[in-house]
PDB file of all heavy atoms in Angstrom:
ATOM      1  N   GLY A   1      93.844  83.778 101.774  1.00  0.00           N
ATOM      2  CA  GLY A   1      93.221  84.418 100.614  1.00  0.00           C
ATOM      3  C   GLY A   1      92.238  85.495 101.023  1.00  0.00           C
ATOM      4  O   GLY A   1      92.198  86.576 100.425  1.00  0.00           O
ATOM      5  N   LYS A   2      91.470  85.220 102.052  1.00  0.00           N
ATOM      6  CA  LYS A   2      90.498  86.210 102.541  1.00  0.00           C
ATOM      7  C   LYS A   2      91.230  87.426 103.103  1.00  0.00           C
ATOM      8  O   LYS A   2      90.843  88.568 102.839  1.00  0.00           O
ATOM      9  CB  LYS A   2      89.601  85.588 103.611  1.00  0.00           C
ATOM     10  CG  LYS A   2      88.542  86.538 104.117  1.00  0.00           C
ATOM     11  CD  LYS A   2      87.643  85.854 105.133  1.00  0.00           C
ATOM     12  CE  LYS A   2      86.663  86.822 105.744  1.00  0.00           C
ATOM     13  NZ  LYS A   2      85.870  86.193 106.789  1.00  0.00           N
ATOM     14  N   ALA A   3      92.296  87.200 103.849  1.00  0.00           N
ATOM     15  CA  ALA A   3      93.069  88.312 104.402  1.00  0.00           C
ATOM     16  C   ALA A   3      93.677  89.154 103.280  1.00  0.00           C
ATOM     17  O   ALA A   3      93.689  90.384 103.357  1.00  0.00           O
ATOM     18  CB  ALA A   3      94.167  87.781 105.322  1.00  0.00           C
ATOM     19  N   GLU A   4      94.147  88.510 102.230  1.00  0.00           N
ATOM     20  CA  GLU A   4      94.704  89.239 101.095  1.00  0.00           C
ATOM     21  C   GLU A   4      93.626  90.053 100.381  1.00  0.00           C
ATOM     22  O   GLU A   4      93.867  91.186  99.972  1.00  0.00           O
ATOM     23  CB  GLU A   4      95.385  88.286 100.119  1.00  0.00           C
ATOM     24  CG  GLU A   4      96.691  87.734 100.640  1.00  0.00           C
ATOM     25  CD  GLU A   4      97.382  86.807  99.663  1.00  0.00           C
ATOM     26  OE1 GLU A   4      96.902  86.632  98.533  1.00  0.00           O
ATOM     27  OE2 GLU A   4      98.424  86.265 100.042  1.00  0.00           O
ATOM     28  N   MET A   5      92.446  89.478 100.248  1.00  0.00           N
ATOM     29  CA  MET A   5      91.342  90.204  99.611  1.00  0.00           C
ATOM     30  C   MET A   5      90.979  91.430 100.435  1.00  0.00           C
ATOM     31  O   MET A   5      90.755  92.513  99.889  1.00  0.00           O
ATOM     32  CB  MET A   5      90.132  89.272  99.457  1.00  0.00           C
ATOM     33  CG  MET A   5      88.963  89.876  98.762  1.00  0.00           C
ATOM     34  SD  MET A   5      89.353  90.194  97.038  1.00  0.00           S
ATOM     35  CE  MET A   5      87.944  91.147  96.561  1.00  0.00           C
ATOM     36  N   GLU A   6      90.926  91.279 101.745  1.00  0.00           N
ATOM     37  CA  GLU A   6      90.624  92.404 102.615  1.00  0.00           C
ATOM     38  C   GLU A   6      91.707  93.480 102.517  1.00  0.00           C
ATOM     39  O   GLU A   6      91.416  94.672 102.545  1.00  0.00           O
ATOM     40  CB  GLU A   6      90.448  91.933 104.054  1.00  0.00           C
ATOM     41  CG  GLU A   6      89.173  91.137 104.254  1.00  0.00           C
ATOM     42  CD  GLU A   6      89.058  90.467 105.608  1.00  0.00           C
ATOM     43  OE1 GLU A   6      90.097  90.313 106.303  1.00  0.00           O
ATOM     44  OE2 GLU A   6      87.935  90.087 105.970  1.00  0.00           O
ATOM     45  N   MET A   7      92.976  93.053 102.361  1.00  0.00           N
ATOM     46  CA  MET A   7      94.062  94.003 102.211  1.00  0.00           C
ATOM     47  C   MET A   7      93.921  94.787 100.898  1.00  0.00           C
ATOM     48  O   MET A   7      94.108  96.006 100.863  1.00  0.00           O
ATOM     49  CB  MET A   7      95.415  93.276 102.240  1.00  0.00           C
ATOM     50  CG  MET A   7      96.586  94.215 102.358  1.00  0.00           C
ATOM     51  SD  MET A   7      98.237  93.448 102.456  1.00  0.00           S
ATOM     52  CE  MET A   7      97.955  91.730 102.667  1.00  0.00           C
ATOM     53  N   VAL A   8      93.570  94.102  99.834  1.00  0.00           N
ATOM     54  CA  VAL A   8      93.362  94.760  98.540  1.00  0.00           C
ATOM     55  C   VAL A   8      92.234  95.782  98.654  1.00  0.00           C
ATOM     56  O   VAL A   8      92.355  96.918  98.171  1.00  0.00           O
ATOM     57  CB  VAL A   8      93.056  93.727  97.433  1.00  0.00           C
ATOM     58  CG1 VAL A   8      92.537  94.399  96.174  1.00  0.00           C
ATOM     59  CG2 VAL A   8      94.287  92.901  97.127  1.00  0.00           C
ATOM     60  N   LEU A   9      91.149  95.401  99.299  1.00  0.00           N
ATOM     61  CA  LEU A   9      90.026  96.323  99.462  1.00  0.00           C
ATOM     62  C   LEU A   9      90.416  97.535 100.301  1.00  0.00           C
ATOM     63  O   LEU A   9      89.990  98.653 100.016  1.00  0.00           O
ATOM     64  CB  LEU A   9      88.826  95.598 100.081  1.00  0.00           C
ATOM     65  CG  LEU A   9      88.182  94.536  99.180  1.00  0.00           C
ATOM     66  CD1 LEU A   9      87.121  93.759  99.962  1.00  0.00           C
ATOM     67  CD2 LEU A   9      87.594  95.149  97.928  1.00  0.00           C
ATOM     68  N   SER A  10      91.248  97.335 101.309  1.00  0.00           N
ATOM     69  CA  SER A  10      91.677  98.470 102.127  1.00  0.00           C
ATOM     70  C   SER A  10      92.565  99.419 101.328  1.00  0.00           C
ATOM     71  O   SER A  10      92.486 100.644 101.506  1.00  0.00           O
ATOM     72  CB  SER A  10      92.374  98.009 103.406  1.00  0.00           C
ATOM     73  OG  SER A  10      93.635  97.462 103.120  1.00  0.00           O
ATOM     74  N   VAL A  11      93.382  98.894 100.436  1.00  0.00           N
ATOM     75  CA  VAL A  11      94.211  99.749  99.584  1.00  0.00           C
ATOM     76  C   VAL A  11      93.334 100.530  98.611  1.00  0.00           C
ATOM     77  O   VAL A  11      93.564 101.724  98.377  1.00  0.00           O
ATOM     78  CB  VAL A  11      95.282  98.923  98.832  1.00  0.00           C
ATOM     79  CG1 VAL A  11      95.971  99.762  97.770  1.00  0.00           C
ATOM     80  CG2 VAL A  11      96.294  98.358  99.814  1.00  0.00           C
ATOM     81  N   ILE A  12      92.317  99.876  98.066  1.00  0.00           N
ATOM     82  CA  ILE A  12      91.384 100.580  97.173  1.00  0.00           C
ATOM     83  C   ILE A  12      90.705 101.712  97.929  1.00  0.00           C
ATOM     84  O   ILE A  12      90.581 102.829  97.427  1.00  0.00           O
ATOM     85  CB  ILE A  12      90.344  99.612  96.578  1.00  0.00           C
ATOM     86  CG1 ILE A  12      91.022  98.631  95.611  1.00  0.00           C
ATOM     87  CG2 ILE A  12      89.217 100.367  95.863  1.00  0.00           C
ATOM     88  CD1 ILE A  12      90.150  97.487  95.152  1.00  0.00           C
ATOM     89  N   LYS A  13      90.296 101.443  99.156  1.00  0.00           N
ATOM     90  CA  LYS A  13      89.650 102.470  99.974  1.00  0.00           C
ATOM     91  C   LYS A  13      90.595 103.637 100.240  1.00  0.00           C
ATOM     92  O   LYS A  13      90.205 104.802 100.179  1.00  0.00           O
ATOM     93  CB  LYS A  13      89.179 101.865 101.297  1.00  0.00           C
ATOM     94  CG  LYS A  13      88.473 102.850 102.197  1.00  0.00           C
ATOM     95  CD  LYS A  13      88.018 102.186 103.478  1.00  0.00           C
ATOM     96  CE  LYS A  13      87.272 103.179 104.357  1.00  0.00           C
ATOM     97  NZ  LYS A  13      86.844 102.554 105.602  1.00  0.00           N
ATOM     98  N   GLU A  14      91.839 103.308 100.521  1.00  0.00           N
ATOM     99  CA  GLU A  14      92.837 104.327 100.858  1.00  0.00           C
ATOM    100  C   GLU A  14      93.233 105.181  99.648  1.00  0.00           C
ATOM    101  O   GLU A  14      93.431 106.383  99.780  1.00  0.00           O
ATOM    102  CB  GLU A  14      94.065 103.606 101.413  1.00  0.00           C
ATOM    103  CG  GLU A  14      95.215 104.489 101.793  1.00  0.00           C
ATOM    104  CD  GLU A  14      96.398 103.656 102.260  1.00  0.00           C
ATOM    105  OE1 GLU A  14      96.195 102.728 103.065  1.00  0.00           O
ATOM    106  OE2 GLU A  14      97.507 103.929 101.802  1.00  0.00           O
ATOM    107  N   LYS A  15      93.327 104.568  98.481  1.00  0.00           N
ATOM    108  CA  LYS A  15      93.892 105.251  97.314  1.00  0.00           C
ATOM    109  C   LYS A  15      92.860 105.910  96.401  1.00  0.00           C
ATOM    110  O   LYS A  15      93.239 106.642  95.497  1.00  0.00           O
ATOM    111  CB  LYS A  15      94.708 104.257  96.470  1.00  0.00           C
ATOM    112  CG  LYS A  15      95.824 103.569  97.205  1.00  0.00           C
ATOM    113  CD  LYS A  15      97.016 104.469  97.322  1.00  0.00           C
ATOM    114  CE  LYS A  15      98.159 103.716  97.985  1.00  0.00           C
ATOM    115  NZ  LYS A  15      99.302 104.539  98.230  1.00  0.00           N
ATOM    116  N   HIS A  16      91.583 105.626  96.615  1.00  0.00           N
ATOM    117  CA  HIS A  16      90.548 106.127  95.708  1.00  0.00           C
ATOM    118  C   HIS A  16      89.479 106.906  96.464  1.00  0.00           C
ATOM    119  O   HIS A  16      89.421 106.876  97.691  1.00  0.00           O
ATOM    120  CB  HIS A  16      89.918 104.970  94.923  1.00  0.00           C
ATOM    121  CG  HIS A  16      90.895 104.265  94.048  1.00  0.00           C
ATOM    122  ND1 HIS A  16      91.291 104.748  92.827  1.00  0.00           N
ATOM    123  CD2 HIS A  16      91.590 103.110  94.219  1.00  0.00           C
ATOM    124  CE1 HIS A  16      92.164 103.934  92.277  1.00  0.00           C
ATOM    125  NE2 HIS A  16      92.371 102.927  93.108  1.00  0.00           N
ATOM    126  N   THR A  17      88.613 107.519  95.713  1.00  0.00           N
ATOM    127  CA  THR A  17      87.516 108.273  96.318  1.00  0.00           C
ATOM    128  C   THR A  17      86.525 107.309  96.967  1.00  0.00           C
ATOM    129  O   THR A  17      86.457 106.130  96.587  1.00  0.00           O
ATOM    130  CB  THR A  17      86.777 109.119  95.266  1.00  0.00           C
ATOM    131  OG1 THR A  17      86.145 108.232  94.330  1.00  0.00           O
ATOM    132  CG2 THR A  17      87.712 110.057  94.537  1.00  0.00           C
ATOM    133  N   PRO A  18      85.730 107.806  97.920  1.00  0.00           N
ATOM    134  CA  PRO A  18      84.714 106.950  98.533  1.00  0.00           C
ATOM    135  C   PRO A  18      83.752 106.346  97.507  1.00  0.00           C
ATOM    136  O   PRO A  18      83.338 105.193  97.650  1.00  0.00           O
ATOM    137  CB  PRO A  18      83.980 107.891  99.489  1.00  0.00           C
ATOM    138  CG  PRO A  18      84.993 108.930  99.842  1.00  0.00           C
ATOM    139  CD  PRO A  18      85.809 109.120  98.586  1.00  0.00           C
ATOM    140  N   GLU A  19      83.443 107.095  96.472  1.00  0.00           N
ATOM    141  CA  GLU A  19      82.533 106.589  95.441  1.00  0.00           C
ATOM    142  C   GLU A  19      83.135 105.394  94.702  1.00  0.00           C
ATOM    143  O   GLU A  19      82.450 104.399  94.457  1.00  0.00           O
ATOM    144  CB  GLU A  19      82.189 107.699  94.451  1.00  0.00           C
ATOM    145  CG  GLU A  19      81.179 107.278  93.406  1.00  0.00           C
ATOM    146  CD  GLU A  19      80.833 108.408  92.443  1.00  0.00           C
ATOM    147  OE1 GLU A  19      81.216 109.562  92.682  1.00  0.00           O
ATOM    148  OE2 GLU A  19      80.161 108.111  91.454  1.00  0.00           O
ATOM    149  N   VAL A  20      84.406 105.475  94.359  1.00  0.00           N
ATOM    150  CA  VAL A  20      85.080 104.356  93.685  1.00  0.00           C
ATOM    151  C   VAL A  20      85.106 103.133  94.595  1.00  0.00           C
ATOM    152  O   VAL A  20      84.820 102.006  94.170  1.00  0.00           O
ATOM    153  CB  VAL A  20      86.509 104.752  93.251  1.00  0.00           C
ATOM    154  CG1 VAL A  20      87.312 103.535  92.804  1.00  0.00           C
ATOM    155  CG2 VAL A  20      86.463 105.796  92.146  1.00  0.00           C
ATOM    156  N   TYR A  21      85.422 103.351  95.863  1.00  0.00           N
ATOM    157  CA  TYR A  21      85.467 102.249  96.823  1.00  0.00           C
ATOM    158  C   TYR A  21      84.094 101.592  96.973  1.00  0.00           C
ATOM    159  O   TYR A  21      83.967 100.363  96.922  1.00  0.00           O
ATOM    160  CB  TYR A  21      85.972 102.768  98.169  1.00  0.00           C
ATOM    161  CG  TYR A  21      85.967 101.737  99.270  1.00  0.00           C
ATOM    162  CD1 TYR A  21      86.807 100.633  99.227  1.00  0.00           C
ATOM    163  CD2 TYR A  21      85.122 101.866 100.363  1.00  0.00           C
ATOM    164  CE1 TYR A  21      86.807  99.692 100.239  1.00  0.00           C
ATOM    165  CE2 TYR A  21      85.117 100.939 101.389  1.00  0.00           C
ATOM    166  CZ  TYR A  21      85.963  99.851 101.314  1.00  0.00           C
ATOM    167  OH  TYR A  21      85.955  98.909 102.323  1.00  0.00           O
ATOM    168  N   GLN A  22      83.063 102.395  97.143  1.00  0.00           N
ATOM    169  CA  GLN A  22      81.709 101.865  97.294  1.00  0.00           C
ATOM    170  C   GLN A  22      81.279 101.095  96.045  1.00  0.00           C
ATOM    171  O   GLN A  22      80.709 100.000  96.147  1.00  0.00           O
ATOM    172  CB  GLN A  22      80.726 102.996  97.574  1.00  0.00           C
ATOM    173  CG  GLN A  22      80.911 103.625  98.926  1.00  0.00           C
ATOM    174  CD  GLN A  22      80.093 104.892  99.109  1.00  0.00           C
ATOM    175  OE1 GLN A  22      79.305 105.269  98.251  1.00  0.00           O
ATOM    176  NE2 GLN A  22      80.283 105.561 100.227  1.00  0.00           N
ATOM    177  N   ASN A  23      81.550 101.654  94.880  1.00  0.00           N
ATOM    178  CA  ASN A  23      81.178 100.979  93.632  1.00  0.00           C
ATOM    179  C   ASN A  23      81.955  99.680  93.443  1.00  0.00           C
ATOM    180  O   ASN A  23      81.426  98.707  92.912  1.00  0.00           O
ATOM    181  CB  ASN A  23      81.368 101.906  92.437  1.00  0.00           C
ATOM    182  CG  ASN A  23      80.337 103.005  92.393  1.00  0.00           C
ATOM    183  OD1 ASN A  23      79.255 102.883  92.962  1.00  0.00           O
ATOM    184  ND2 ASN A  23      80.670 104.095  91.739  1.00  0.00           N
ATOM    185  N   THR A  24      83.205  99.666  93.884  1.00  0.00           N
ATOM    186  CA  THR A  24      84.011  98.440  93.812  1.00  0.00           C
ATOM    187  C   THR A  24      83.396  97.356  94.680  1.00  0.00           C
ATOM    188  O   THR A  24      83.232  96.208  94.241  1.00  0.00           O
ATOM    189  CB  THR A  24      85.464  98.718  94.244  1.00  0.00           C
ATOM    190  OG1 THR A  24      86.034  99.698  93.367  1.00  0.00           O
ATOM    191  CG2 THR A  24      86.301  97.453  94.205  1.00  0.00           C
ATOM    192  N   LEU A  25      83.057  97.708  95.917  1.00  0.00           N
ATOM    193  CA  LEU A  25      82.431  96.729  96.818  1.00  0.00           C
ATOM    194  C   LEU A  25      81.110  96.220  96.253  1.00  0.00           C
ATOM    195  O   LEU A  25      80.850  95.012  96.239  1.00  0.00           O
ATOM    196  CB  LEU A  25      82.199  97.342  98.201  1.00  0.00           C
ATOM    197  CG  LEU A  25      83.429  97.636  99.051  1.00  0.00           C
ATOM    198  CD1 LEU A  25      83.012  98.291 100.362  1.00  0.00           C
ATOM    199  CD2 LEU A  25      84.220  96.374  99.319  1.00  0.00           C
ATOM    200  N   ARG A  26      80.297  97.140  95.788  1.00  0.00           N
ATOM    201  CA  ARG A  26      78.983  96.745  95.250  1.00  0.00           C
ATOM    202  C   ARG A  26      79.138  95.882  94.000  1.00  0.00           C
ATOM    203  O   ARG A  26      78.401  94.917  93.816  1.00  0.00           O
ATOM    204  CB  ARG A  26      78.154  97.980  94.956  1.00  0.00           C
ATOM    205  CG  ARG A  26      77.690  98.678  96.208  1.00  0.00           C
ATOM    206  CD  ARG A  26      76.916  99.938  95.919  1.00  0.00           C
ATOM    207  NE  ARG A  26      76.532 100.594  97.162  1.00  0.00           N
ATOM    208  CZ  ARG A  26      76.596 101.894  97.365  1.00  0.00           C
ATOM    209  NH1 ARG A  26      76.993 102.714  96.406  1.00  0.00           N
ATOM    210  NH2 ARG A  26      76.246 102.408  98.527  1.00  0.00           N
ATOM    211  N   GLY A  27      80.074  96.235  93.140  1.00  0.00           N
ATOM    212  CA  GLY A  27      80.302  95.453  91.926  1.00  0.00           C
ATOM    213  C   GLY A  27      80.798  94.055  92.230  1.00  0.00           C
ATOM    214  O   GLY A  27      80.318  93.072  91.662  1.00  0.00           O
ATOM    215  N   LEU A  28      81.769  93.946  93.129  1.00  0.00           N
ATOM    216  CA  LEU A  28      82.269  92.626  93.513  1.00  0.00           C
ATOM    217  C   LEU A  28      81.170  91.780  94.139  1.00  0.00           C
ATOM    218  O   LEU A  28      81.017  90.599  93.827  1.00  0.00           O
ATOM    219  CB  LEU A  28      83.440  92.771  94.503  1.00  0.00           C
ATOM    220  CG  LEU A  28      84.768  93.201  93.918  1.00  0.00           C
ATOM    221  CD1 LEU A  28      85.738  93.559  95.035  1.00  0.00           C
ATOM    222  CD2 LEU A  28      85.341  92.103  93.041  1.00  0.00           C
ATOM    223  N   TYR A  29      80.403  92.396  95.021  1.00  0.00           N
ATOM    224  CA  TYR A  29      79.325  91.661  95.686  1.00  0.00           C
ATOM    225  C   TYR A  29      78.287  91.178  94.683  1.00  0.00           C
ATOM    226  O   TYR A  29      77.874  90.015  94.701  1.00  0.00           O
ATOM    227  CB  TYR A  29      78.678  92.544  96.757  1.00  0.00           C
ATOM    228  CG  TYR A  29      77.667  91.800  97.591  1.00  0.00           C
ATOM    229  CD1 TYR A  29      78.086  90.947  98.603  1.00  0.00           C
ATOM    230  CD2 TYR A  29      76.300  91.925  97.363  1.00  0.00           C
ATOM    231  CE1 TYR A  29      77.174  90.251  99.372  1.00  0.00           C
ATOM    232  CE2 TYR A  29      75.381  91.235  98.123  1.00  0.00           C
ATOM    233  CZ  TYR A  29      75.823  90.402  99.124  1.00  0.00           C
ATOM    234  OH  TYR A  29      74.918  89.700  99.875  1.00  0.00           O
ATOM    235  N   SER A  30      77.914  92.046  93.791  1.00  0.00           N
ATOM    236  CA  SER A  30      76.913  91.696  92.782  1.00  0.00           C
ATOM    237  C   SER A  30      77.423  90.587  91.866  1.00  0.00           C
ATOM    238  O   SER A  30      76.744  89.578  91.635  1.00  0.00           O
ATOM    239  CB  SER A  30      76.555  92.934  91.956  1.00  0.00           C
ATOM    240  OG  SER A  30      75.683  92.596  90.908  1.00  0.00           O
TER     241      SER A  30
END
């Protein structure tokens, strides 16, 4: 599950702007 989550995050990073990726990480963490 953790590996899959990391894969999803890497796809978000690859397919979106750095701002979207950063906001996604911050939102999930929060």
